[in-house]
Amino acid sequence: MLELLLGLAIMGFALTGMLALYTNCMILNQSNRNLIVATSHAQFVMEELKAETSLANLRTKINAGTYTRFTDLGGENTSACCCDASNNCYSSCPTQDPQKVCVTDSWNERGTRPMSVSLQTLFTY
């Protein structure tokens, strides 16, 4: 009888650890899903900007903020800007060629933790 109780105690301890591991895996899975969705949104905006036919049109679209905005993730905000070599956004796109563009998608992970993903590229026509 003592062996049975000891065996049940060990099995209960092992199952508790496995439950915690399973819960953490579910949270990590959701976090990775959000990162993939945010990266996809940033890529979509970058491709939308890439479709512009001139640097003037590109600057106008970025300055006006007329690119697609997404709201799939909690507190999601997609933004695009012309940026300098240190990735600081200009308030208005300068008239330089090539034009460095940064697209950032930010959201709240599990309701409270702010997360973001950024893409950068150079445009020239």
N, C-alpha and C. Protein backbone atom coordinates (compact mmCIF):
# COMPACT_ATOMS: atom_id res chain seq x y z
N MET A 1 0.82 -1.20 0.00
CA MET A 1 0.00 0.00 0.00
C MET A 1 0.86 1.26 0.00
N LEU A 2 1.94 1.27 0.75
CA LEU A 2 2.85 2.41 0.81
C LEU A 2 3.48 2.66 -0.55
N GLU A 3 3.83 1.57 -1.26
CA GLU A 3 4.43 1.71 -2.59
C GLU A 3 3.45 2.37 -3.56
N LEU A 4 2.20 2.00 -3.45
CA LEU A 4 1.17 2.59 -4.31
C LEU A 4 1.04 4.09 -4.06
N LEU A 5 1.00 4.50 -2.81
CA LEU A 5 0.90 5.93 -2.48
C LEU A 5 2.14 6.69 -2.94
N LEU A 6 3.30 6.10 -2.76
CA LEU A 6 4.54 6.74 -3.19
C LEU A 6 4.56 6.88 -4.72
N GLY A 7 4.13 5.84 -5.42
CA GLY A 7 4.05 5.88 -6.88
C GLY A 7 3.07 6.94 -7.37
N LEU A 8 1.92 7.04 -6.72
CA LEU A 8 0.94 8.07 -7.08
C LEU A 8 1.47 9.48 -6.82
N ALA A 9 2.21 9.65 -5.73
CA ALA A 9 2.80 10.96 -5.42
C ALA A 9 3.83 11.36 -6.47
N ILE A 10 4.67 10.43 -6.88
CA ILE A 10 5.68 10.72 -7.92
C ILE A 10 5.00 11.02 -9.25
N MET A 11 3.99 10.23 -9.60
CA MET A 11 3.27 10.48 -10.85
C MET A 11 2.55 11.83 -10.81
N GLY A 12 1.95 12.18 -9.69
CA GLY A 12 1.28 13.47 -9.55
C GLY A 12 2.26 14.62 -9.69
N PHE A 13 3.45 14.48 -9.10
CA PHE A 13 4.48 15.51 -9.20
C PHE A 13 4.93 15.66 -10.66
N ALA A 14 5.12 14.55 -11.37
CA ALA A 14 5.55 14.58 -12.78
C ALA A 14 4.46 15.21 -13.66
N LEU A 15 3.21 14.85 -13.43
CA LEU A 15 2.12 15.41 -14.23
C LEU A 15 1.95 16.91 -14.01
N THR A 16 2.19 17.37 -12.79
CA THR A 16 2.12 18.81 -12.50
C THR A 16 3.17 19.56 -13.31
N GLY A 17 4.38 19.01 -13.37
CA GLY A 17 5.45 19.63 -14.17
C GLY A 17 5.12 19.64 -15.65
N MET A 18 4.53 18.54 -16.12
CA MET A 18 4.17 18.48 -17.53
C MET A 18 3.04 19.45 -17.86
N LEU A 19 2.13 19.66 -16.95
CA LEU A 19 1.05 20.63 -17.16
C LEU A 19 1.62 22.05 -17.28
N ALA A 20 2.58 22.38 -16.42
CA ALA A 20 3.22 23.70 -16.51
C ALA A 20 3.96 23.86 -17.83
N LEU A 21 4.64 22.81 -18.26
CA LEU A 21 5.35 22.84 -19.53
C LEU A 21 4.36 23.03 -20.69
N TYR A 22 3.25 22.33 -20.67
CA TYR A 22 2.22 22.45 -21.71
C TYR A 22 1.67 23.88 -21.75
N THR A 23 1.39 24.45 -20.60
CA THR A 23 0.86 25.81 -20.53
C THR A 23 1.85 26.81 -21.12
N ASN A 24 3.13 26.67 -20.78
CA ASN A 24 4.15 27.57 -21.32
C ASN A 24 4.29 27.41 -22.83
N CYS A 25 4.17 26.19 -23.31
CA CYS A 25 4.23 25.96 -24.76
C CYS A 25 3.06 26.63 -25.48
N MET A 26 1.89 26.60 -24.89
CA MET A 26 0.72 27.26 -25.49
C MET A 26 0.93 28.78 -25.56
N ILE A 27 1.48 29.36 -24.49
CA ILE A 27 1.74 30.80 -24.46
C ILE A 27 2.79 31.17 -25.51
N LEU A 28 3.85 30.38 -25.61
CA LEU A 28 4.91 30.63 -26.59
C LEU A 28 4.37 30.50 -28.02
N ASN A 29 3.50 29.53 -28.24
CA ASN A 29 2.89 29.34 -29.54
C ASN A 29 2.08 30.57 -29.96
N GLN A 30 1.30 31.13 -29.05
CA GLN A 30 0.51 32.33 -29.33
C GLN A 30 1.42 33.53 -29.61
N SER A 31 2.49 33.64 -28.85
CA SER A 31 3.43 34.74 -29.05
C SER A 31 4.09 34.65 -30.43
N ASN A 32 4.50 33.45 -30.83
CA ASN A 32 5.11 33.26 -32.14
C ASN A 32 4.11 33.51 -33.26
N ARG A 33 2.85 33.14 -33.07
CA ARG A 33 1.82 33.42 -34.06
C ARG A 33 1.66 34.92 -34.25
N ASN A 34 1.63 35.66 -33.15
CA ASN A 34 1.51 37.12 -33.22
C ASN A 34 2.69 37.73 -33.96
N LEU A 35 3.89 37.23 -33.70
CA LEU A 35 5.09 37.74 -34.38
C LEU A 35 5.01 37.49 -35.88
N ILE A 36 4.55 36.32 -36.28
CA ILE A 36 4.42 36.00 -37.70
C ILE A 36 3.37 36.89 -38.35
N VAL A 37 2.24 37.10 -37.69
CA VAL A 37 1.18 37.96 -38.24
C VAL A 37 1.69 39.40 -38.38
N ALA A 38 2.38 39.90 -37.36
CA ALA A 38 2.90 41.28 -37.41
C ALA A 38 3.94 41.43 -38.52
N THR A 39 4.80 40.44 -38.68
CA THR A 39 5.80 40.49 -39.76
C THR A 39 5.12 40.48 -41.12
N SER A 40 4.08 39.68 -41.25
CA SER A 40 3.32 39.63 -42.50
C SER A 40 2.66 40.98 -42.80
N HIS A 41 2.12 41.62 -41.78
CA HIS A 41 1.50 42.94 -41.97
C HIS A 41 2.55 43.97 -42.40
N ALA A 42 3.72 43.95 -41.75
CA ALA A 42 4.77 44.89 -42.12
C ALA A 42 5.25 44.63 -43.55
N GLN A 43 5.37 43.37 -43.95
CA GLN A 43 5.76 43.05 -45.32
C GLN A 43 4.70 43.52 -46.31
N PHE A 44 3.44 43.39 -45.97
CA PHE A 44 2.36 43.85 -46.84
C PHE A 44 2.46 45.35 -47.09
N VAL A 45 2.68 46.12 -46.02
CA VAL A 45 2.80 47.57 -46.16
C VAL A 45 4.04 47.91 -46.99
N MET A 46 5.15 47.20 -46.76
CA MET A 46 6.37 47.45 -47.52
C MET A 46 6.13 47.18 -49.02
N GLU A 47 5.43 46.10 -49.34
CA GLU A 47 5.10 45.80 -50.74
C GLU A 47 4.16 46.84 -51.33
N GLU A 48 3.24 47.32 -50.52
CA GLU A 48 2.32 48.37 -50.97
C GLU A 48 3.10 49.64 -51.32
N LEU A 49 4.09 49.98 -50.50
CA LEU A 49 4.92 51.15 -50.78
C LEU A 49 5.81 50.91 -51.99
N LYS A 50 6.27 49.69 -52.15
CA LYS A 50 7.13 49.34 -53.28
C LYS A 50 6.41 49.52 -54.61
N ALA A 51 5.08 49.39 -54.61
CA ALA A 51 4.30 49.51 -55.84
C ALA A 51 4.21 50.95 -56.35
N GLU A 52 4.63 51.91 -55.56
CA GLU A 52 4.59 53.31 -56.00
C GLU A 52 5.55 53.49 -57.18
N THR A 53 5.20 54.39 -58.10
CA THR A 53 5.96 54.53 -59.34
C THR A 53 7.07 55.57 -59.30
N SER A 54 7.14 56.36 -58.23
CA SER A 54 8.21 57.36 -58.13
C SER A 54 8.49 57.66 -56.65
N LEU A 55 9.64 58.23 -56.39
CA LEU A 55 9.98 58.61 -55.01
C LEU A 55 9.02 59.68 -54.50
N ALA A 56 8.57 60.57 -55.38
CA ALA A 56 7.62 61.61 -54.96
C ALA A 56 6.32 60.98 -54.49
N ASN A 57 5.82 59.99 -55.24
CA ASN A 57 4.59 59.29 -54.82
C ASN A 57 4.80 58.52 -53.52
N LEU A 58 5.98 57.92 -53.40
CA LEU A 58 6.31 57.18 -52.18
C LEU A 58 6.31 58.11 -50.97
N ARG A 59 6.99 59.25 -51.10
CA ARG A 59 7.03 60.21 -49.99
C ARG A 59 5.63 60.73 -49.65
N THR A 60 4.82 61.01 -50.66
CA THR A 60 3.45 61.50 -50.44
C THR A 60 2.63 60.46 -49.67
N LYS A 61 2.74 59.21 -50.08
CA LYS A 61 1.96 58.14 -49.43
C LYS A 61 2.39 57.98 -47.98
N ILE A 62 3.69 58.01 -47.71
CA ILE A 62 4.18 57.86 -46.33
C ILE A 62 3.79 59.06 -45.49
N ASN A 63 4.00 60.27 -46.01
CA ASN A 63 3.67 61.48 -45.25
C ASN A 63 2.18 61.58 -44.94
N ALA A 64 1.34 61.14 -45.89
CA ALA A 64 -0.11 61.21 -45.69
C ALA A 64 -0.63 60.04 -44.86
N GLY A 65 0.16 58.98 -44.74
CA GLY A 65 -0.28 57.81 -43.98
C GLY A 65 -1.38 57.04 -44.67
N THR A 66 -1.37 57.01 -46.02
CA THR A 66 -2.45 56.37 -46.76
C THR A 66 -2.13 54.92 -47.12
N TYR A 67 -1.32 54.26 -46.33
CA TYR A 67 -1.05 52.84 -46.53
C TYR A 67 -2.01 52.03 -45.65
N THR A 68 -2.08 50.74 -45.87
CA THR A 68 -3.03 49.87 -45.16
C THR A 68 -2.69 49.82 -43.67
N ARG A 69 -3.72 49.92 -42.84
CA ARG A 69 -3.57 49.79 -41.38
C ARG A 69 -4.22 48.48 -40.95
N PHE A 70 -3.59 47.78 -40.03
CA PHE A 70 -4.11 46.49 -39.56
C PHE A 70 -4.52 46.59 -38.09
N THR A 71 -5.52 45.78 -37.71
CA THR A 71 -5.99 45.77 -36.32
C THR A 71 -6.26 44.36 -35.82
N ASP A 72 -5.62 43.35 -36.44
CA ASP A 72 -5.86 41.96 -36.06
C ASP A 72 -5.33 41.62 -34.67
N LEU A 73 -4.21 42.20 -34.30
CA LEU A 73 -3.61 41.92 -32.99
C LEU A 73 -4.07 42.96 -31.98
N GLY A 74 -4.01 42.65 -30.71
CA GLY A 74 -4.44 43.57 -29.66
C GLY A 74 -3.63 44.85 -29.64
N GLY A 75 -4.29 45.98 -29.82
CA GLY A 75 -3.60 47.27 -29.79
C GLY A 75 -2.63 47.46 -30.93
N GLU A 76 -2.88 46.83 -32.07
CA GLU A 76 -1.93 46.87 -33.19
C GLU A 76 -1.90 48.24 -33.85
N ASN A 77 -0.68 48.66 -34.21
CA ASN A 77 -0.48 49.92 -34.91
C ASN A 77 0.62 49.71 -35.95
N THR A 78 0.29 49.90 -37.22
CA THR A 78 1.26 49.78 -38.30
C THR A 78 1.64 51.18 -38.76
N SER A 79 2.94 51.46 -38.82
CA SER A 79 3.38 52.79 -39.24
C SER A 79 4.56 52.67 -40.20
N ALA A 80 4.66 53.64 -41.09
CA ALA A 80 5.77 53.70 -42.04
C ALA A 80 6.35 55.10 -41.98
N CYS A 81 7.66 55.18 -42.15
CA CYS A 81 8.30 56.50 -42.16
C CYS A 81 9.59 56.43 -42.96
N CYS A 82 10.04 57.59 -43.38
CA CYS A 82 11.37 57.71 -43.97
C CYS A 82 12.32 57.87 -42.79
N CYS A 83 13.44 57.16 -42.82
CA CYS A 83 14.32 57.18 -41.65
C CYS A 83 15.77 57.44 -42.06
N ASP A 84 16.56 57.85 -41.08
CA ASP A 84 17.97 58.12 -41.32
C ASP A 84 18.79 56.85 -41.08
N ALA A 85 20.11 56.97 -41.13
CA ALA A 85 21.00 55.82 -40.97
C ALA A 85 20.87 55.16 -39.60
N SER A 86 20.43 55.93 -38.59
CA SER A 86 20.26 55.38 -37.24
C SER A 86 18.84 54.89 -36.99
N ASN A 87 18.03 54.82 -38.06
CA ASN A 87 16.64 54.37 -38.00
C ASN A 87 15.73 55.30 -37.20
N ASN A 88 16.08 56.58 -37.12
CA ASN A 88 15.21 57.58 -36.52
C ASN A 88 14.29 58.11 -37.61
N CYS A 89 12.98 58.15 -37.33
CA CYS A 89 12.01 58.61 -38.31
C CYS A 89 12.05 60.12 -38.49
N TYR A 90 11.97 60.54 -39.74
CA TYR A 90 11.80 61.95 -40.05
C TYR A 90 10.33 62.30 -39.89
N SER A 91 10.04 63.54 -39.51
CA SER A 91 8.64 63.97 -39.42
C SER A 91 8.03 64.09 -40.82
N SER A 92 8.88 64.39 -41.80
CA SER A 92 8.45 64.45 -43.20
C SER A 92 9.60 63.90 -44.04
N CYS A 93 9.27 63.12 -45.06
CA CYS A 93 10.30 62.47 -45.87
C CYS A 93 11.16 63.49 -46.61
N PRO A 94 12.48 63.39 -46.49
CA PRO A 94 13.36 64.28 -47.26
C PRO A 94 13.41 63.86 -48.73
N THR A 95 13.93 64.73 -49.56
CA THR A 95 14.00 64.44 -51.00
C THR A 95 15.38 63.89 -51.34
N GLN A 96 15.68 62.72 -50.87
CA GLN A 96 16.96 62.09 -51.18
C GLN A 96 16.71 60.80 -51.96
N ASP A 97 17.72 60.39 -52.71
CA ASP A 97 17.64 59.15 -53.48
C ASP A 97 18.95 58.41 -53.28
N PRO A 98 18.95 57.22 -52.75
CA PRO A 98 17.82 56.36 -52.41
C PRO A 98 17.15 56.80 -51.10
N GLN A 99 15.90 56.41 -50.95
CA GLN A 99 15.09 56.76 -49.78
C GLN A 99 15.02 55.55 -48.85
N LYS A 100 15.48 55.71 -47.60
CA LYS A 100 15.39 54.62 -46.64
C LYS A 100 14.02 54.68 -45.97
N VAL A 101 13.31 53.55 -45.98
CA VAL A 101 11.96 53.47 -45.42
C VAL A 101 11.94 52.41 -44.33
N CYS A 102 11.31 52.76 -43.21
CA CYS A 102 11.12 51.84 -42.09
C CYS A 102 9.62 51.61 -41.89
N VAL A 103 9.22 50.35 -41.78
CA VAL A 103 7.84 49.99 -41.47
C VAL A 103 7.85 49.25 -40.14
N THR A 104 7.05 49.73 -39.19
CA THR A 104 6.99 49.12 -37.86
C THR A 104 5.56 48.71 -37.56
N ASP A 105 5.42 47.50 -37.05
CA ASP A 105 4.12 47.00 -36.60
C ASP A 105 4.26 46.71 -35.11
N SER A 106 3.46 47.38 -34.30
CA SER A 106 3.53 47.18 -32.85
C SER A 106 2.18 46.70 -32.33
N TRP A 107 2.21 45.94 -31.24
CA TRP A 107 0.99 45.39 -30.64
C TRP A 107 1.26 45.08 -29.18
N ASN A 108 0.20 44.74 -28.46
CA ASN A 108 0.32 44.37 -27.05
C ASN A 108 0.22 42.86 -26.92
N GLU A 109 1.25 42.26 -26.40
CA GLU A 109 1.29 40.81 -26.21
C GLU A 109 0.56 40.44 -24.92
N ARG A 110 -0.40 39.57 -25.02
CA ARG A 110 -1.21 39.12 -23.88
C ARG A 110 -1.80 40.29 -23.11
N GLY A 111 -2.12 41.36 -23.84
CA GLY A 111 -2.84 42.49 -23.27
C GLY A 111 -1.99 43.57 -22.64
N THR A 112 -0.76 43.26 -22.21
CA THR A 112 -0.01 44.28 -21.47
C THR A 112 1.41 44.51 -21.97
N ARG A 113 2.06 43.51 -22.52
CA ARG A 113 3.47 43.64 -22.88
C ARG A 113 3.61 44.18 -24.29
N PRO A 114 4.19 45.38 -24.47
CA PRO A 114 4.32 45.95 -25.81
C PRO A 114 5.39 45.21 -26.62
N MET A 115 5.05 44.90 -27.86
CA MET A 115 5.96 44.22 -28.78
C MET A 115 5.95 44.97 -30.11
N SER A 116 7.01 44.81 -30.89
CA SER A 116 7.03 45.42 -32.23
C SER A 116 8.01 44.67 -33.12
N VAL A 117 7.79 44.80 -34.41
CA VAL A 117 8.69 44.26 -35.42
C VAL A 117 8.88 45.36 -36.46
N SER A 118 10.12 45.54 -36.93
CA SER A 118 10.43 46.59 -37.90
C SER A 118 11.13 46.02 -39.11
N LEU A 119 10.78 46.55 -40.27
CA LEU A 119 11.44 46.22 -41.52
C LEU A 119 11.99 47.50 -42.12
N GLN A 120 13.13 47.40 -42.81
CA GLN A 120 13.74 48.58 -43.42
C GLN A 120 14.21 48.19 -44.82
N THR A 121 14.18 49.15 -45.72
CA THR A 121 14.72 48.95 -47.04
C THR A 121 15.03 50.30 -47.67
N LEU A 122 15.77 50.25 -48.76
CA LEU A 122 16.06 51.46 -49.53
C LEU A 122 15.24 51.41 -50.84
N PHE A 123 14.62 52.52 -51.16
CA PHE A 123 13.87 52.64 -52.42
C PHE A 123 14.60 53.61 -53.32
N THR A 124 14.69 53.26 -54.58
CA THR A 124 15.20 54.17 -55.59
C THR A 124 14.46 53.88 -56.90
N TYR A 125 14.30 54.88 -57.73
CA TYR A 125 13.56 54.70 -58.98
C TYR A 125 14.38 55.19 -60.13
